Amino acid sequence: MTEELYKKVTPLDRWLITFVVMSATLMQVIDTTIVNVALPHMQGSLGASSDEITWTLTSYLVSSAIFMPLTGYLSDRLGRKRYLIISIAGFTLASALCGASVTLAEIVIFRLLQGVFGAGLVPLSQAILADIFPPDERGKAMAIWGVGVMVGPILGPTLGGYLTDVTTWRWTFYVNVPVGLFTLLLTNILPDTPKKRREMDWLGLILISMAIGGLQYVLDRGNSDDWFNSTSICIVTYLAASGLLGFFFHSMQEKSRSVFDLKIFKDRNFAVASILLCIFGLGLYGMMVIQPIMMEGLLDYPALTTGLMMAPRGISGMISMLLVGRLITHMDARLLIIFGILISVIGMAIGTYYSIDNISPFWLIFPMLLQGFGLGMVFVPLSTVAYSTLSVSLRTEAAGLFSLLRTIGSSIGISIAVTIATRGTQLFWNQLGGFITPYNPLVYDYLAPLHLKPTDPLGSALLGKLLFRQAQMLSFVNVFAVIMWCFICMIPLVLLIKKVRPSTRIVRELAE
């Protein structure tokens, strides 16, 4: 089928199709980061708390994770062209509805829809490119597509900050509408693939959806509902665990049409790489959510400035990916992964020394550069070792499962980071508040230049604001520390990977 398609497509149409699928992919990739810098503004507009507003991120991730396994099935049943058109149209409509939302419940529901329709955009784009390009040109096409994908993390925060400052946070969603409509107009040139009749393991899908959805509910609501002191949290945890166990045993019986072929995890390299990617995604996305909240809410940076300061992370990530692409055929992939982890650890460690009085823009940007560089050094070799020992027949399914685990890790990381930040603020508020007494001379020294006393209303308000800022800062430092230790714990796991020195052929196959 692939051979027939690329012979029917003219060279000009190939590059026009590449532009179409890149536009669709870029729209989805940008949307994972463009909203981050707008979170504080959305929080005030929608009347949400700091942990509730992150539901707009985690709802998108969890719905995307649940529907990602359906990409292959829907592509076969509908045809790739039709499924891509439906995905682009649905994503565009959901974006418009997100921008028009007036309550937290509305935007969470519409973000769920965005995840449903956006789940297939990236794998569909890759599959279409593999179809329309001959084997000797696929590497070049995928490289161009990959660079386009990397623009997302660079452009997202900057564009989000600009739109939020100049207009409102709603335009971080509305911006997808003209891009989506323009892309839809060009989809007519896409070649179609024949439909296939294919059975779907609906029971398995329901069970794994129950497990993933239940886990996300527990992570989202746990902080506000006091975790396992809440009856609803206990019930949902039980349902999620039951769904996971049910899916496992069901998959053992329905091997021929299971949602996932669990024998993939018999491959040690893939199993270890999946765990590592989940942990790394946990730390990376947790950090990407916390940093804008810290910079805008605590340090009073405008949204545009925050976006510009976060952009270097994507640039350094692109540079490291290009560098590691040349090194990986000559070096042990495990060494590159460990080196990337250590660079990321240094970036996190710098954050553990932050205080309100000593954070300059340089010490905010420099750790982000290290984090981005470490990401590239980890992600490329980790993907290589994950697939290099798998049979070719399992690679497509493994790629979907690999992306699913990364998405789950990202969602968990966001919830954990926000929980540590909000609970930590309360804890440090209580601890530090004990030092603000009429008998503490430092309190008088702080207020004396302002000719105020602790008993004055203005003096009391200033002390309260200082106390809250210090408590927030200490809680953010704790987030950095937890993520740093998560990265450190990855290093022993890397040693479990079998040594792989991939040939240029294998790297090229993975790119295809």
Protein backbone atom coordinates (compact mmCIF):
# COMPACT_ATOMS: atom_id res chain seq x y z
CA MET A 1 0.00 0.00 0.00
CA THR A 2 2.77 2.44 0.96
CA GLU A 3 4.67 1.66 -2.21
CA GLU A 4 1.60 2.34 -4.36
CA LEU A 5 0.88 5.63 -2.60
CA TYR A 6 4.29 7.22 -2.92
CA LYS A 7 4.37 6.31 -6.62
CA LYS A 8 1.05 8.08 -7.19
CA VAL A 9 2.02 11.32 -5.40
CA THR A 10 3.98 13.96 -7.33
CA PRO A 11 7.07 15.59 -5.73
CA LEU A 12 5.25 18.93 -5.41
CA ASP A 13 2.25 17.30 -3.73
CA ARG A 14 4.57 15.50 -1.30
CA TRP A 15 5.88 18.75 0.09
CA LEU A 16 2.42 20.33 0.14
CA ILE A 17 1.18 17.33 2.11
CA THR A 18 4.19 17.66 4.41
CA PHE A 19 3.19 21.27 5.06
CA VAL A 20 -0.39 20.19 5.86
CA VAL A 21 0.57 17.46 8.34
CA MET A 22 3.22 19.72 9.91
CA SER A 23 0.57 22.41 10.45
CA ALA A 24 -1.74 19.89 12.10
CA THR A 25 1.04 18.54 14.30
CA LEU A 26 2.34 21.98 15.22
CA MET A 27 -1.15 23.07 16.25
CA GLN A 28 -1.35 20.13 18.66
CA VAL A 29 2.22 20.42 19.98
CA ILE A 30 1.98 24.18 20.60
CA ASP A 31 -1.24 23.63 22.52
CA THR A 32 0.58 21.51 25.11
CA THR A 33 2.70 24.52 26.18
CA ILE A 34 0.91 27.70 25.04
CA VAL A 35 -1.58 27.54 27.92
CA ASN A 36 1.04 27.23 30.68
CA VAL A 37 1.91 30.92 30.94
CA ALA A 38 -1.78 31.86 30.85
CA LEU A 39 -2.70 29.72 33.88
CA PRO A 40 -2.54 32.55 36.49
CA HIS A 41 -4.80 34.74 34.30
CA MET A 42 -7.22 31.86 33.69
CA GLN A 43 -7.28 31.17 37.43
CA GLY A 44 -8.59 34.64 38.24
CA SER A 45 -11.01 34.78 35.31
CA LEU A 46 -12.60 31.40 36.04
CA GLY A 47 -12.52 31.68 39.83
CA ALA A 48 -10.34 28.58 40.28
CA SER A 49 -7.70 27.69 42.85
CA SER A 50 -4.09 26.98 41.85
CA ASP A 51 -4.63 23.22 41.89
CA GLU A 52 -8.04 23.38 40.16
CA ILE A 53 -6.74 25.41 37.20
CA THR A 54 -4.24 22.64 36.37
CA TRP A 55 -7.21 20.41 35.54
CA THR A 56 -7.20 22.24 32.20
CA LEU A 57 -3.81 20.64 31.53
CA THR A 58 -4.33 17.21 33.04
CA SER A 59 -7.77 16.71 31.45
CA TYR A 60 -6.18 17.28 28.04
CA LEU A 61 -3.38 14.84 28.78
CA VAL A 62 -5.57 12.08 30.18
CA SER A 63 -8.12 12.15 27.32
CA SER A 64 -5.25 12.14 24.85
CA ALA A 65 -3.71 9.16 26.66
CA ILE A 66 -6.99 7.20 26.63
CA PHE A 67 -7.67 7.77 22.92
CA MET A 68 -4.10 7.31 21.70
CA PRO A 69 -4.46 3.50 21.53
CA LEU A 70 -7.46 3.95 19.20
CA THR A 71 -5.43 5.74 16.52
CA GLY A 72 -4.55 2.59 14.58
CA TYR A 73 -8.06 1.19 14.81
CA LEU A 74 -9.79 4.42 13.70
CA SER A 75 -7.24 4.97 10.95
CA ASP A 76 -8.01 1.53 9.51
CA ARG A 77 -11.79 1.81 9.87
CA LEU A 78 -12.12 5.38 8.54
CA GLY A 79 -9.05 5.73 6.35
CA ARG A 80 -6.17 8.02 7.29
CA LYS A 81 -7.37 11.02 5.29
CA ARG A 82 -10.88 10.99 6.73
CA TYR A 83 -9.63 10.40 10.28
CA LEU A 84 -7.13 13.27 9.97
CA ILE A 85 -9.85 15.62 8.69
CA ILE A 86 -12.15 14.65 11.58
CA SER A 87 -9.30 15.14 14.07
CA ILE A 88 -8.37 18.60 12.73
CA ALA A 89 -12.00 19.75 12.58
CA GLY A 90 -12.76 18.45 16.08
CA PHE A 91 -9.60 19.95 17.55
CA THR A 92 -10.36 23.34 15.96
CA LEU A 93 -13.95 23.35 17.23
CA ALA A 94 -12.87 22.28 20.73
CA SER A 95 -10.29 25.11 20.74
CA ALA A 96 -12.98 27.67 19.93
CA LEU A 97 -15.19 26.28 22.70
CA CYS A 98 -12.29 26.45 25.19
CA GLY A 99 -11.80 30.12 24.38
CA ALA A 100 -15.50 30.82 24.90
CA SER A 101 -15.69 29.00 28.25
CA VAL A 102 -16.96 31.00 31.22
CA THR A 103 -16.64 28.38 33.97
CA LEU A 104 -13.98 25.93 35.06
CA ALA A 105 -16.26 22.97 34.35
CA GLU A 106 -16.81 24.12 30.76
CA ILE A 107 -13.16 24.54 29.92
CA VAL A 108 -12.22 21.19 31.49
CA ILE A 109 -14.88 19.44 29.36
CA PHE A 110 -13.73 21.18 26.18
CA ARG A 111 -10.09 20.43 26.97
CA LEU A 112 -11.11 16.78 27.26
CA LEU A 113 -12.52 17.08 23.73
CA GLN A 114 -9.29 18.68 22.54
CA GLY A 115 -7.37 15.69 23.84
CA VAL A 116 -9.78 13.25 22.17
CA PHE A 117 -9.37 14.84 18.74
CA GLY A 118 -5.70 15.75 19.17
CA ALA A 119 -4.59 12.25 20.21
CA GLY A 120 -4.22 11.01 16.64
CA LEU A 121 -2.65 14.08 14.99
CA VAL A 122 1.01 13.22 15.64
CA PRO A 123 0.92 9.47 14.80
CA LEU A 124 -1.32 10.14 11.76
CA SER A 125 1.10 12.77 10.46
CA GLN A 126 4.04 10.38 10.78
CA ALA A 127 2.14 7.56 9.07
CA ILE A 128 1.07 9.79 6.16
CA LEU A 129 4.64 10.99 5.60
CA ALA A 130 5.88 7.40 5.63
CA ASP A 131 3.25 6.59 2.99
CA ILE A 132 3.92 9.40 0.52
CA PHE A 133 7.74 9.47 0.52
CA PRO A 134 9.93 6.78 -1.04
CA PRO A 135 12.27 4.99 1.41
CA ASP A 136 15.35 7.00 0.40
CA GLU A 137 13.60 10.33 1.13
CA ARG A 138 11.71 9.45 4.33
CA GLY A 139 14.63 10.32 6.60
CA LYS A 140 14.80 13.84 5.15
CA ALA A 141 11.04 14.29 5.43
CA MET A 142 10.97 13.08 9.03
CA ALA A 143 13.89 15.37 9.92
CA ILE A 144 12.05 18.40 8.54
CA TRP A 145 8.87 17.30 10.33
CA GLY A 146 10.85 16.79 13.56
CA VAL A 147 12.30 20.30 13.43
CA GLY A 148 8.77 21.61 12.97
CA VAL A 149 7.65 19.68 16.04
CA MET A 150 10.50 21.15 18.10
CA VAL A 151 9.30 24.66 17.22
CA GLY A 152 6.26 23.97 19.42
CA PRO A 153 7.98 24.12 22.84
CA ILE A 154 9.87 27.24 21.67
CA LEU A 155 6.93 29.10 20.16
CA GLY A 156 4.25 27.97 22.63
CA PRO A 157 5.24 29.86 25.81
CA THR A 158 6.30 32.98 23.89
CA LEU A 159 3.13 33.12 21.79
CA GLY A 160 1.01 32.34 24.84
CA GLY A 161 2.63 35.13 26.84
CA TYR A 162 2.23 37.64 24.01
CA LEU A 163 -1.43 36.81 23.40
CA THR A 164 -2.21 36.89 27.13
CA ASP A 165 -0.54 40.29 27.61
CA VAL A 166 -1.88 41.96 24.46
CA THR A 167 -5.38 40.43 24.41
CA THR A 168 -6.70 37.85 26.92
CA TRP A 169 -5.93 34.24 27.80
CA ARG A 170 -8.83 33.19 25.56
CA TRP A 171 -6.73 33.88 22.46
CA THR A 172 -4.32 31.12 23.45
CA PHE A 173 -7.19 28.87 22.29
CA TYR A 174 -8.70 31.05 19.56
CA VAL A 175 -5.35 31.15 17.75
CA ASN A 176 -5.92 27.51 16.74
CA VAL A 177 -9.10 28.37 14.82
CA PRO A 178 -7.57 30.12 11.75
CA VAL A 179 -4.71 27.60 11.64
CA GLY A 180 -7.14 24.70 11.83
CA LEU A 181 -9.47 26.12 9.16
CA PHE A 182 -6.57 26.85 6.81
CA THR A 183 -5.21 23.32 7.30
CA LEU A 184 -8.66 21.84 6.62
CA LEU A 185 -8.84 23.70 3.28
CA LEU A 186 -5.60 22.03 2.19
CA THR A 187 -6.52 18.48 3.24
CA ASN A 188 -8.10 17.86 -0.17
CA ILE A 189 -4.64 17.09 -1.58
CA LEU A 190 -4.08 14.26 0.92
CA PRO A 191 -4.13 10.75 -0.56
CA ASP A 192 -6.64 8.38 0.94
CA THR A 193 -6.04 4.84 2.15
CA PRO A 194 -8.57 2.02 1.83
CA LYS A 195 -10.68 1.18 4.85
CA LYS A 196 -10.10 -2.09 6.68
CA ARG A 197 -12.41 -4.17 8.77
CA ARG A 198 -10.73 -4.64 12.11
CA GLU A 199 -11.95 -5.92 15.44
CA MET A 200 -11.49 -3.78 18.50
CA ASP A 201 -11.06 -5.00 22.06
CA TRP A 202 -13.73 -2.73 23.52
CA LEU A 203 -13.72 -4.39 26.93
CA GLY A 204 -9.96 -3.93 27.18
CA LEU A 205 -10.30 -0.29 26.14
CA ILE A 206 -12.99 0.31 28.78
CA LEU A 207 -10.85 -1.30 31.49
CA ILE A 208 -7.67 0.65 30.65
CA SER A 209 -9.71 3.87 30.33
CA MET A 210 -11.18 3.23 33.77
CA ALA A 211 -7.67 2.76 35.16
CA ILE A 212 -6.19 5.88 33.52
CA GLY A 213 -9.24 8.07 34.18
CA GLY A 214 -9.49 6.91 37.80
CA LEU A 215 -5.81 7.58 38.40
CA GLN A 216 -6.15 11.07 37.00
CA TYR A 217 -9.23 11.81 39.11
CA VAL A 218 -7.35 10.75 42.26
CA LEU A 219 -4.38 12.94 41.33
CA ASP A 220 -6.55 15.94 40.48
CA ARG A 221 -8.94 15.77 43.42
CA GLY A 222 -6.64 14.23 46.02
CA ASN A 223 -5.12 17.50 47.18
CA SER A 224 -8.43 19.33 47.63
CA ASP A 225 -10.29 16.28 49.04
CA ASP A 226 -7.59 15.37 51.60
CA TRP A 227 -6.52 12.25 49.72
CA PHE A 228 -7.51 8.93 51.32
CA ASN A 229 -9.48 10.58 54.10
CA SER A 230 -12.07 11.14 51.38
CA THR A 231 -14.57 8.36 50.61
CA SER A 232 -14.78 9.31 46.93
CA ILE A 233 -11.00 9.15 46.53
CA CYS A 234 -10.91 5.68 48.11
CA ILE A 235 -13.72 4.43 45.84
CA VAL A 236 -12.14 5.79 42.66
CA THR A 237 -8.74 4.38 43.65
CA TYR A 238 -10.34 0.96 44.07
CA LEU A 239 -12.05 1.26 40.66
CA ALA A 240 -8.80 2.36 38.98
CA ALA A 241 -6.85 -0.54 40.50
CA SER A 242 -9.64 -2.95 39.51
CA GLY A 243 -9.59 -1.61 35.96
CA LEU A 244 -5.82 -2.08 35.70
CA LEU A 245 -5.91 -5.64 37.08
CA GLY A 246 -8.93 -6.47 34.94
CA PHE A 247 -7.16 -5.16 31.84
CA PHE A 248 -4.07 -7.23 32.63
CA PHE A 249 -5.95 -10.51 33.04
CA HIS A 250 -8.25 -9.77 30.09
CA SER A 251 -5.25 -9.08 27.85
CA MET A 252 -3.75 -12.41 28.82
CA GLN A 253 -6.88 -14.14 27.51
CA GLU A 254 -7.47 -11.94 24.44
CA LYS A 255 -3.93 -11.90 23.03
CA SER A 256 -5.10 -11.85 19.42
CA ARG A 257 -7.00 -8.54 19.65
CA SER A 258 -5.85 -6.92 22.88
CA VAL A 259 -5.52 -3.13 23.01
CA PHE A 260 -1.85 -3.66 23.80
CA ASP A 261 0.31 -6.71 23.18
CA LEU A 262 1.76 -7.08 26.68
CA LYS A 263 4.57 -9.32 25.45
CA ILE A 264 6.28 -6.08 24.41
CA PHE A 265 7.26 -5.68 28.07
CA LYS A 266 9.19 -8.95 27.94
CA ASP A 267 11.82 -6.93 26.12
CA ARG A 268 13.97 -5.61 28.98
CA ASN A 269 15.21 -2.54 27.15
CA PHE A 270 11.70 -1.43 26.21
CA ALA A 271 10.36 -2.05 29.73
CA VAL A 272 13.18 -0.12 31.43
CA ALA A 273 13.09 2.69 28.84
CA SER A 274 9.32 3.06 29.36
CA ILE A 275 9.77 3.44 33.13
CA LEU A 276 12.56 5.98 32.60
CA LEU A 277 10.50 7.99 30.13
CA CYS A 278 7.55 8.03 32.53
CA ILE A 279 9.75 9.38 35.35
CA PHE A 280 11.44 11.92 33.09
CA GLY A 281 8.07 13.11 31.74
CA LEU A 282 6.85 13.42 35.33
CA GLY A 283 9.67 15.80 36.21
CA LEU A 284 9.72 17.75 32.96
CA TYR A 285 6.02 18.56 32.78
CA GLY A 286 5.77 19.18 36.51
CA MET A 287 8.47 21.79 36.10
CA MET A 288 6.89 23.36 33.01
CA VAL A 289 3.70 24.03 34.98
CA ILE A 290 5.30 25.24 38.21
CA GLN A 291 7.79 27.67 36.64
CA PRO A 292 5.20 29.99 35.02
CA ILE A 293 3.17 30.03 38.25
CA MET A 294 6.29 30.95 40.21
CA MET A 295 7.47 33.60 37.74
CA GLU A 296 4.11 35.32 37.27
CA GLY A 297 2.45 34.76 40.63
CA LEU A 298 5.44 35.15 42.96
CA LEU A 299 8.03 37.16 41.02
CA ASP A 300 5.49 39.38 39.19
CA TYR A 301 6.85 38.85 35.67
CA PRO A 302 4.41 39.71 32.83
CA ALA A 303 3.10 36.76 30.82
CA LEU A 304 5.08 37.75 27.70
CA THR A 305 8.34 38.01 29.65
CA THR A 306 7.66 34.62 31.21
CA GLY A 307 7.10 33.09 27.78
CA LEU A 308 10.29 34.62 26.36
CA MET A 309 12.32 33.39 29.33
CA MET A 310 10.97 29.84 28.91
CA ALA A 311 11.67 29.69 25.16
CA PRO A 312 15.44 28.93 25.52
CA ARG A 313 14.53 25.52 26.99
CA GLY A 314 13.16 24.46 23.60
CA ILE A 315 16.14 25.91 21.73
CA SER A 316 18.68 24.05 23.86
CA GLY A 317 16.60 20.89 23.51
CA MET A 318 16.72 21.17 19.72
CA ILE A 319 20.48 21.70 19.78
CA SER A 320 21.09 18.69 22.01
CA MET A 321 18.86 16.47 19.83
CA LEU A 322 20.87 17.42 16.75
CA LEU A 323 24.10 16.76 18.65
CA VAL A 324 23.06 13.41 20.08
CA GLY A 325 21.84 12.30 16.64
CA ARG A 326 25.47 12.39 15.52
CA LEU A 327 26.91 10.86 18.68
CA ILE A 328 24.53 7.96 19.16
CA THR A 329 26.00 5.78 16.40
CA HIS A 330 29.46 6.08 17.99
CA MET A 331 28.75 6.00 21.73
CA ASP A 332 27.02 3.78 24.26
CA ALA A 333 23.46 5.11 24.50
CA ARG A 334 23.47 4.50 28.27
CA LEU A 335 26.29 7.01 28.73
CA LEU A 336 24.38 9.66 26.80
CA ILE A 337 21.26 9.04 28.90
CA ILE A 338 23.20 9.31 32.18
CA PHE A 339 24.93 12.47 30.96
CA GLY A 340 21.57 14.02 30.05
CA ILE A 341 20.12 13.07 33.44
CA LEU A 342 23.07 14.65 35.27
CA ILE A 343 22.67 17.89 33.31
CA SER A 344 18.98 17.93 34.21
CA VAL A 345 19.85 17.25 37.87
CA ILE A 346 22.14 20.30 37.88
CA GLY A 347 19.31 22.40 36.42
CA MET A 348 16.99 21.24 39.20
CA ALA A 349 19.66 21.62 41.91
CA ILE A 350 20.09 25.31 41.08
CA GLY A 351 16.39 25.79 41.80
CA THR A 352 16.79 24.38 45.32
CA TYR A 353 18.91 27.46 46.21
CA TYR A 354 16.29 30.00 45.16
CA SER A 355 15.06 32.63 47.56
CA ILE A 356 12.95 35.71 46.95
CA ASP A 357 15.95 38.01 47.34
CA ASN A 358 18.42 36.31 44.97
CA ILE A 359 16.57 35.26 41.79
CA SER A 360 17.86 37.19 38.80
CA PRO A 361 16.64 36.50 35.23
CA PHE A 362 19.95 34.75 34.50
CA TRP A 363 19.42 32.19 37.28
CA LEU A 364 15.93 31.52 35.97
CA ILE A 365 16.95 31.08 32.32
CA PHE A 366 20.22 29.16 32.86
CA PRO A 367 18.59 26.17 34.65
CA MET A 368 15.95 26.03 31.91
CA LEU A 369 18.71 25.84 29.30
CA LEU A 370 20.20 22.91 31.20
CA GLN A 371 16.80 21.23 31.51
CA GLY A 372 16.17 21.54 27.77
CA PHE A 373 19.64 20.29 26.86
CA GLY A 374 19.23 17.35 29.23
CA LEU A 375 15.86 16.53 27.66
CA GLY A 376 17.41 16.13 24.22
CA MET A 377 20.30 14.08 25.59
CA VAL A 378 17.87 11.69 27.30
CA PHE A 379 14.96 11.42 24.89
CA VAL A 380 16.74 10.44 21.66
CA PRO A 381 18.96 7.63 23.06
CA LEU A 382 16.12 6.45 25.30
CA SER A 383 13.88 6.06 22.25
CA THR A 384 16.67 4.30 20.41
CA VAL A 385 17.32 1.66 23.09
CA ALA A 386 13.56 1.17 23.56
CA TYR A 387 13.02 0.08 19.96
CA SER A 388 16.40 -1.31 18.95
CA THR A 389 15.85 -4.80 20.43
CA LEU A 390 12.18 -5.08 19.39
CA SER A 391 11.08 -6.90 16.26
CA VAL A 392 9.95 -4.65 13.41
CA SER A 393 6.38 -6.00 13.68
CA LEU A 394 6.06 -4.66 17.24
CA ARG A 395 7.54 -1.19 16.71
CA THR A 396 4.34 0.58 15.68
CA GLU A 397 2.43 -0.71 18.68
CA ALA A 398 5.42 -0.03 20.94
CA ALA A 399 5.56 3.58 19.72
CA GLY A 400 1.95 4.15 20.76
CA LEU A 401 2.50 2.54 24.16
CA PHE A 402 5.72 4.55 24.65
CA SER A 403 3.84 7.81 23.97
CA LEU A 404 1.01 6.72 26.26
CA LEU A 405 3.36 6.11 29.20
CA ARG A 406 5.04 9.47 28.62
CA THR A 407 1.64 11.17 28.68
CA ILE A 408 0.64 9.38 31.89
CA GLY A 409 3.94 10.37 33.52
CA SER A 410 3.41 13.98 32.45
CA SER A 411 -0.07 14.05 33.93
CA ILE A 412 1.14 12.53 37.21
CA GLY A 413 4.00 15.04 37.35
CA ILE A 414 1.68 18.03 36.99
CA SER A 415 -0.58 16.80 39.79
CA ILE A 416 2.31 15.98 42.14
CA ALA A 417 4.07 19.31 41.54
CA VAL A 418 0.91 21.33 42.18
CA THR A 419 0.12 19.29 45.31
CA ILE A 420 3.61 19.86 46.74
CA ALA A 421 3.39 23.58 45.96
CA THR A 422 -0.07 24.17 47.47
CA ARG A 423 0.32 21.91 50.51
CA GLY A 424 3.84 23.22 51.07
CA THR A 425 2.63 26.81 51.10
CA GLN A 426 0.14 25.98 53.86
CA LEU A 427 2.75 24.05 55.85
CA PHE A 428 5.43 26.76 55.65
CA TRP A 429 2.85 29.46 56.41
CA ASN A 430 2.13 27.77 59.72
CA GLN A 431 5.80 27.16 60.49
CA LEU A 432 7.02 30.66 59.64
CA GLY A 433 4.02 32.32 61.27
CA GLY A 434 5.28 31.23 64.67
CA PHE A 435 8.26 33.59 64.33
CA ILE A 436 6.11 36.69 63.82
CA THR A 437 5.48 37.76 67.39
CA PRO A 438 5.71 41.07 69.29
CA TYR A 439 8.80 39.65 71.00
CA ASN A 440 10.81 39.13 67.82
CA PRO A 441 13.12 42.16 67.30
CA LEU A 442 13.51 41.31 63.59
CA VAL A 443 9.83 42.09 63.07
CA TYR A 444 10.33 45.60 64.43
CA ASP A 445 13.55 46.03 62.41
CA TYR A 446 11.63 45.19 59.23
CA LEU A 447 8.79 47.66 59.92
CA ALA A 448 10.77 50.47 61.58
CA PRO A 449 11.99 52.13 58.31
CA LEU A 450 8.33 52.35 57.28
CA HIS A 451 7.33 53.84 60.66
CA LEU A 452 4.96 50.96 61.27
CA LYS A 453 4.29 48.49 64.06
CA PRO A 454 3.09 44.86 63.90
CA THR A 455 -0.17 45.94 65.51
CA ASP A 456 -0.89 48.52 62.79
CA PRO A 457 -3.30 47.29 60.05
CA LEU A 458 -0.81 48.18 57.29
CA GLY A 459 2.09 46.64 59.19
CA SER A 460 0.12 43.46 59.76
CA ALA A 461 -0.80 43.31 56.06
CA LEU A 462 2.85 43.74 54.99
CA LEU A 463 3.95 40.97 57.33
CA GLY A 464 1.19 38.71 56.02
CA LYS A 465 2.23 39.31 52.41
CA LEU A 466 5.90 38.67 53.22
CA LEU A 467 4.96 35.50 55.08
CA PHE A 468 2.90 34.21 52.14
CA ARG A 469 5.65 34.96 49.59
CA GLN A 470 8.29 33.21 51.68
CA ALA A 471 6.02 30.19 52.20
CA GLN A 472 5.36 30.01 48.45
CA MET A 473 9.05 30.26 47.63
CA LEU A 474 9.96 27.44 50.01
CA SER A 475 7.24 25.22 48.54
CA PHE A 476 8.54 25.84 44.99
CA VAL A 477 12.04 24.96 46.18
CA ASN A 478 10.62 21.68 47.48
CA VAL A 479 9.20 20.94 44.03
CA PHE A 480 12.65 21.43 42.51
CA ALA A 481 14.16 19.14 45.14
CA VAL A 482 11.62 16.33 44.61
CA ILE A 483 12.07 16.41 40.84
CA MET A 484 15.86 16.46 41.27
CA TRP A 485 15.73 13.28 43.37
CA CYS A 486 13.37 11.64 40.86
CA PHE A 487 15.98 12.26 38.17
CA ILE A 488 18.77 10.91 40.39
CA CYS A 489 16.75 7.72 40.96
CA MET A 490 16.72 7.18 37.19
CA ILE A 491 20.48 6.57 37.05
CA PRO A 492 20.49 3.05 38.61
CA LEU A 493 17.65 2.06 36.25
CA VAL A 494 19.74 3.09 33.24
CA LEU A 495 22.29 0.43 34.23
CA LEU A 496 19.61 -2.24 33.70
CA ILE A 497 19.51 -1.46 29.98
CA LYS A 498 21.35 -3.95 27.79
CA LYS A 499 24.22 -2.36 25.94
CA VAL A 500 23.17 -1.32 22.47
CA ARG A 501 25.34 0.32 19.87
CA PRO A 502 22.82 1.07 17.15
CA SER A 503 23.93 1.09 13.57
CA THR A 504 23.10 3.93 11.23
CA ARG A 505 20.51 1.64 9.65
CA ILE A 506 18.62 1.18 12.92
CA VAL A 507 18.64 4.90 13.68
CA ARG A 508 17.33 5.57 10.19
CA GLU A 509 14.58 2.96 10.62
CA LEU A 510 13.53 4.55 13.90
CA ALA A 511 13.32 7.93 12.20
CA GLU A 512 11.04 6.37 9.61
